[in-house]
Protein backbone atom coordinates (compact mmCIF):
# COMPACT_ATOMS: atom_id res chain seq x y z
CA MET A 1 -16.37 -79.46 -149.90
CA SER A 2 -18.27 -77.93 -146.99
CA PHE A 3 -16.99 -77.83 -143.44
CA GLU A 4 -19.62 -80.33 -142.25
CA ASN A 5 -18.72 -82.84 -144.97
CA LEU A 6 -15.01 -82.43 -144.20
CA LEU A 7 -15.69 -82.94 -140.47
CA PHE A 8 -17.92 -85.95 -141.22
CA SER A 9 -15.26 -87.59 -143.39
CA ARG A 10 -12.56 -86.81 -140.80
CA ASN A 11 -14.55 -88.47 -138.02
CA ASP A 12 -15.34 -91.51 -140.19
CA ILE A 13 -11.75 -91.98 -141.28
CA ILE A 14 -10.34 -91.58 -137.77
CA ILE A 15 -12.87 -94.04 -136.32
CA GLN A 16 -11.96 -96.50 -139.07
CA MET A 17 -8.25 -95.91 -138.41
CA VAL A 18 -8.65 -96.56 -134.67
CA ASP A 19 -9.87 -100.05 -135.57
CA GLU A 20 -7.07 -100.55 -138.09
CA ILE A 21 -4.21 -99.47 -135.82
CA ARG A 22 -5.28 -101.50 -132.77
CA GLY A 23 -2.79 -104.27 -133.56
CA MET A 24 0.10 -101.87 -134.03
CA VAL A 25 -0.75 -99.98 -130.84
CA TYR A 26 -1.17 -103.23 -128.89
CA ASN A 27 2.26 -104.46 -130.00
CA PHE A 28 3.79 -101.08 -129.16
CA ALA A 29 2.22 -101.05 -125.69
CA ARG A 30 3.28 -104.63 -124.97
CA ARG A 31 6.83 -104.04 -126.24
CA PHE A 32 7.39 -101.05 -123.98
CA ASN A 33 5.24 -102.27 -121.05
CA LEU A 34 2.69 -99.46 -121.39
CA ASP A 35 -1.06 -99.39 -120.89
CA PHE A 36 -2.85 -100.27 -124.15
CA ASP A 37 -5.79 -97.93 -123.57
CA ASP A 38 -3.49 -94.98 -122.89
CA CYS A 39 -1.51 -95.69 -126.06
CA LEU A 40 -4.71 -95.99 -128.11
CA GLN A 41 -5.94 -92.70 -126.70
CA ASP A 42 -2.60 -91.05 -127.55
CA ALA A 43 -2.84 -92.48 -131.08
CA SER A 44 -6.34 -91.04 -131.52
CA LEU A 45 -5.19 -87.67 -130.29
CA ILE A 46 -2.22 -87.76 -132.66
CA MET A 47 -4.54 -88.46 -135.60
CA LEU A 48 -6.80 -85.56 -134.64
CA GLU A 49 -3.83 -83.20 -134.29
CA VAL A 50 -2.30 -84.29 -137.61
CA TRP A 51 -5.52 -84.11 -139.65
CA PRO A 52 -5.26 -80.40 -140.57
CA ARG A 53 -1.68 -80.92 -141.82
CA ILE A 54 -2.54 -83.71 -144.28
CA PRO A 55 -1.51 -82.54 -147.77
CA VAL A 56 -4.36 -81.86 -150.15
CA ASP A 57 -2.88 -84.14 -152.80
CA CYS A 58 -2.33 -87.04 -150.36
CA ALA A 59 -3.18 -90.26 -152.20
CA ASN A 60 -3.54 -92.51 -149.15
CA VAL A 61 -4.75 -90.71 -146.03
CA GLN A 62 -4.81 -93.89 -143.92
CA ALA A 63 -1.15 -94.66 -144.67
CA TYR A 64 -0.21 -91.06 -143.87
CA LEU A 65 -2.07 -91.23 -140.53
CA ASN A 66 -0.56 -94.64 -139.76
CA GLY A 67 2.98 -93.27 -140.20
CA CYS A 68 2.17 -90.19 -138.11
CA VAL A 69 0.75 -92.36 -135.31
CA ARG A 70 3.85 -94.58 -135.30
CA ARG A 71 6.21 -91.60 -135.11
CA GLY A 72 3.97 -89.85 -132.58
CA LEU A 73 3.86 -92.85 -130.24
CA PHE A 74 7.65 -93.10 -130.27
CA GLU A 75 7.84 -89.36 -129.57
CA CYS A 76 5.45 -89.79 -126.61
CA LEU A 77 7.63 -92.63 -125.34
CA ARG A 78 10.75 -90.49 -125.69
CA ARG A 79 9.09 -87.60 -123.79
CA ARG A 80 8.03 -89.93 -120.97
CA GLY A 81 11.58 -91.22 -120.69
CA MET A 82 12.87 -87.67 -120.25
CA GLU A 83 10.60 -86.95 -117.31
CA THR A 84 12.91 -87.21 -114.34
CA LEU A 85 12.28 -86.91 -110.68
CA SER A 86 14.65 -85.02 -108.45
CA LEU A 87 15.41 -86.74 -105.16
CA ASP A 88 15.75 -83.32 -103.53
CA ARG A 89 12.21 -82.33 -104.48
CA PRO A 90 9.63 -82.32 -101.65
CA VAL A 91 7.18 -85.21 -101.59
CA ALA A 92 4.20 -82.86 -101.36
CA GLU A 93 3.79 -79.13 -101.83
CA HIS A 94 3.72 -78.21 -98.15
CA SER A 95 6.06 -80.95 -96.97
CA LYS A 96 9.70 -80.58 -96.04
CA GLU A 97 10.39 -84.30 -96.49
CA THR A 98 12.11 -85.12 -99.80
CA PHE A 99 12.28 -88.31 -101.82
CA ALA A 100 15.91 -88.69 -100.71
CA ASP A 101 14.75 -88.63 -97.07
CA MET A 102 12.18 -91.32 -97.81
CA LEU A 103 14.78 -93.44 -99.56
CA GLN A 104 17.23 -93.05 -96.67
CA ALA A 105 14.52 -94.00 -94.16
CA PHE A 106 13.72 -97.11 -96.19
CA VAL A 107 17.39 -98.13 -96.35
CA GLU A 108 17.80 -97.63 -92.59
CA GLN A 109 14.64 -99.63 -91.86
CA ASP A 110 15.80 -102.40 -94.19
CA MET A 111 19.23 -102.51 -92.52
CA ARG A 112 17.61 -102.73 -89.07
CA ARG A 113 15.49 -105.63 -90.30
CA VAL A 114 18.52 -107.42 -91.78
CA ASN A 115 20.47 -106.96 -88.55
CA HIS A 116 17.54 -108.27 -86.48
CA VAL A 117 17.17 -111.37 -88.69
CA THR A 118 20.93 -111.98 -88.58
CA ARG A 119 21.07 -111.74 -84.78
CA THR A 120 18.07 -114.06 -84.41
CA VAL A 121 19.43 -116.72 -86.76
CA HIS A 122 22.90 -116.56 -85.19
CA SER A 123 21.51 -116.95 -81.69
CA ALA A 124 19.43 -119.95 -82.83
CA LEU A 125 22.51 -121.52 -84.41
CA HIS A 126 24.55 -121.12 -81.23
CA GLY A 127 22.42 -123.76 -79.53
CA LEU A 128 23.36 -126.45 -82.05
CA SER A 129 26.37 -128.72 -82.07
CA LEU A 130 29.61 -127.32 -83.43
CA GLU A 131 29.54 -129.72 -86.37
CA VAL A 132 26.05 -128.55 -87.41
CA GLN A 133 27.11 -124.91 -87.00
CA LEU A 134 30.15 -125.41 -89.22
CA HIS A 135 28.12 -127.28 -91.83
CA THR A 136 25.42 -124.57 -91.82
CA ARG A 137 27.97 -121.79 -92.21
CA ASP A 138 29.64 -123.52 -95.15
CA PHE A 139 26.50 -124.86 -96.85
CA TYR A 140 24.46 -121.63 -96.68
CA GLY A 141 27.40 -119.25 -97.12
CA LEU A 142 27.02 -117.45 -93.79
CA GLY A 143 30.36 -115.64 -93.96
CA SER A 144 29.62 -113.36 -91.02
CA TYR A 145 28.69 -116.23 -88.69
CA VAL A 146 31.30 -117.38 -86.14
CA PRO A 147 30.49 -120.82 -84.67
CA VAL A 148 30.75 -121.19 -80.88
CA LEU A 149 30.75 -124.17 -78.57
CA PRO A 150 27.21 -125.03 -77.45
CA ARG A 151 26.25 -124.26 -73.83
CA THR A 152 25.24 -127.83 -73.10
CA SER A 153 27.52 -130.77 -73.51
CA ARG A 154 26.22 -133.57 -75.66
CA LYS A 155 27.51 -136.75 -77.00
CA VAL A 156 29.03 -135.70 -80.32
CA VAL A 157 28.96 -138.01 -83.27
CA TYR A 158 31.37 -136.78 -85.91
CA GLY A 159 30.98 -137.71 -89.53
CA ARG A 160 27.21 -137.26 -89.62
CA GLN A 161 25.51 -137.11 -92.96
CA LYS A 162 24.83 -133.63 -94.28
CA ARG A 163 21.16 -134.43 -94.68
CA SER A 164 20.80 -135.28 -91.00
CA MET A 165 22.62 -132.07 -90.01
CA ARG A 166 20.19 -130.03 -92.13
CA GLU A 167 17.29 -131.86 -90.47
CA SER A 168 18.72 -130.94 -87.04
CA LEU A 169 18.91 -127.34 -88.20
CA LYS A 170 15.29 -127.38 -89.39
CA ARG A 171 14.10 -128.91 -86.10
CA ALA A 172 16.02 -126.31 -84.10
CA PHE A 173 14.51 -123.49 -86.16
CA ARG A 174 10.99 -124.91 -85.79
CA ARG A 175 11.40 -125.03 -82.01
CA ASN A 176 12.89 -121.53 -81.68
CA PRO A 177 10.16 -118.95 -80.90
CA GLN A 178 12.21 -116.00 -82.27
CA VAL A 179 12.74 -117.74 -85.63
CA LEU A 180 9.06 -118.67 -85.75
CA ALA A 181 8.17 -115.04 -85.07
CA LEU A 182 10.38 -113.97 -88.00
CA MET A 183 8.68 -116.46 -90.26
CA GLN A 184 5.26 -115.16 -89.17
CA GLU A 185 6.31 -111.56 -89.91
CA LYS A 186 7.43 -112.49 -93.40
CA SER A 187 4.17 -114.20 -94.35
């Protein structure tokens, strides 16, 4: 068999195999949340790399290639899983900032945001009646919130329904400009 005939048959078989293994590669990509096109390209490359090693007396070349592709895709997945990223490595070549620094900055920024939201919500709650404050703390699980007496004296009706206390809370939050600003930032 001449080199051109061998090359022609190799190209034909591999093109045919790409169509045949699409289902297997699609299931593999979906199972491991990978990009289908990348997996199909890896499978094609695996077939091209394996072709010279196919035994001369191989009875079923397609089955041999199919098994090699399956094992090769799992090997590619295993290699990708071993690629780790050091947190002490610089973000860019000429940068002194590391991934750990970026992570720490994110955590600090997130903590500042949480503290700001907590202070704003607590200050909005302080303007409500003591009964509504107590209900809000218990209902929403605000363990860090300490209810205080409201600044203005009102006629207090004890034994209100929980639904009406939640409505009072919603009204107070809708009227509070700091809470509204927080809601605008979030959306």
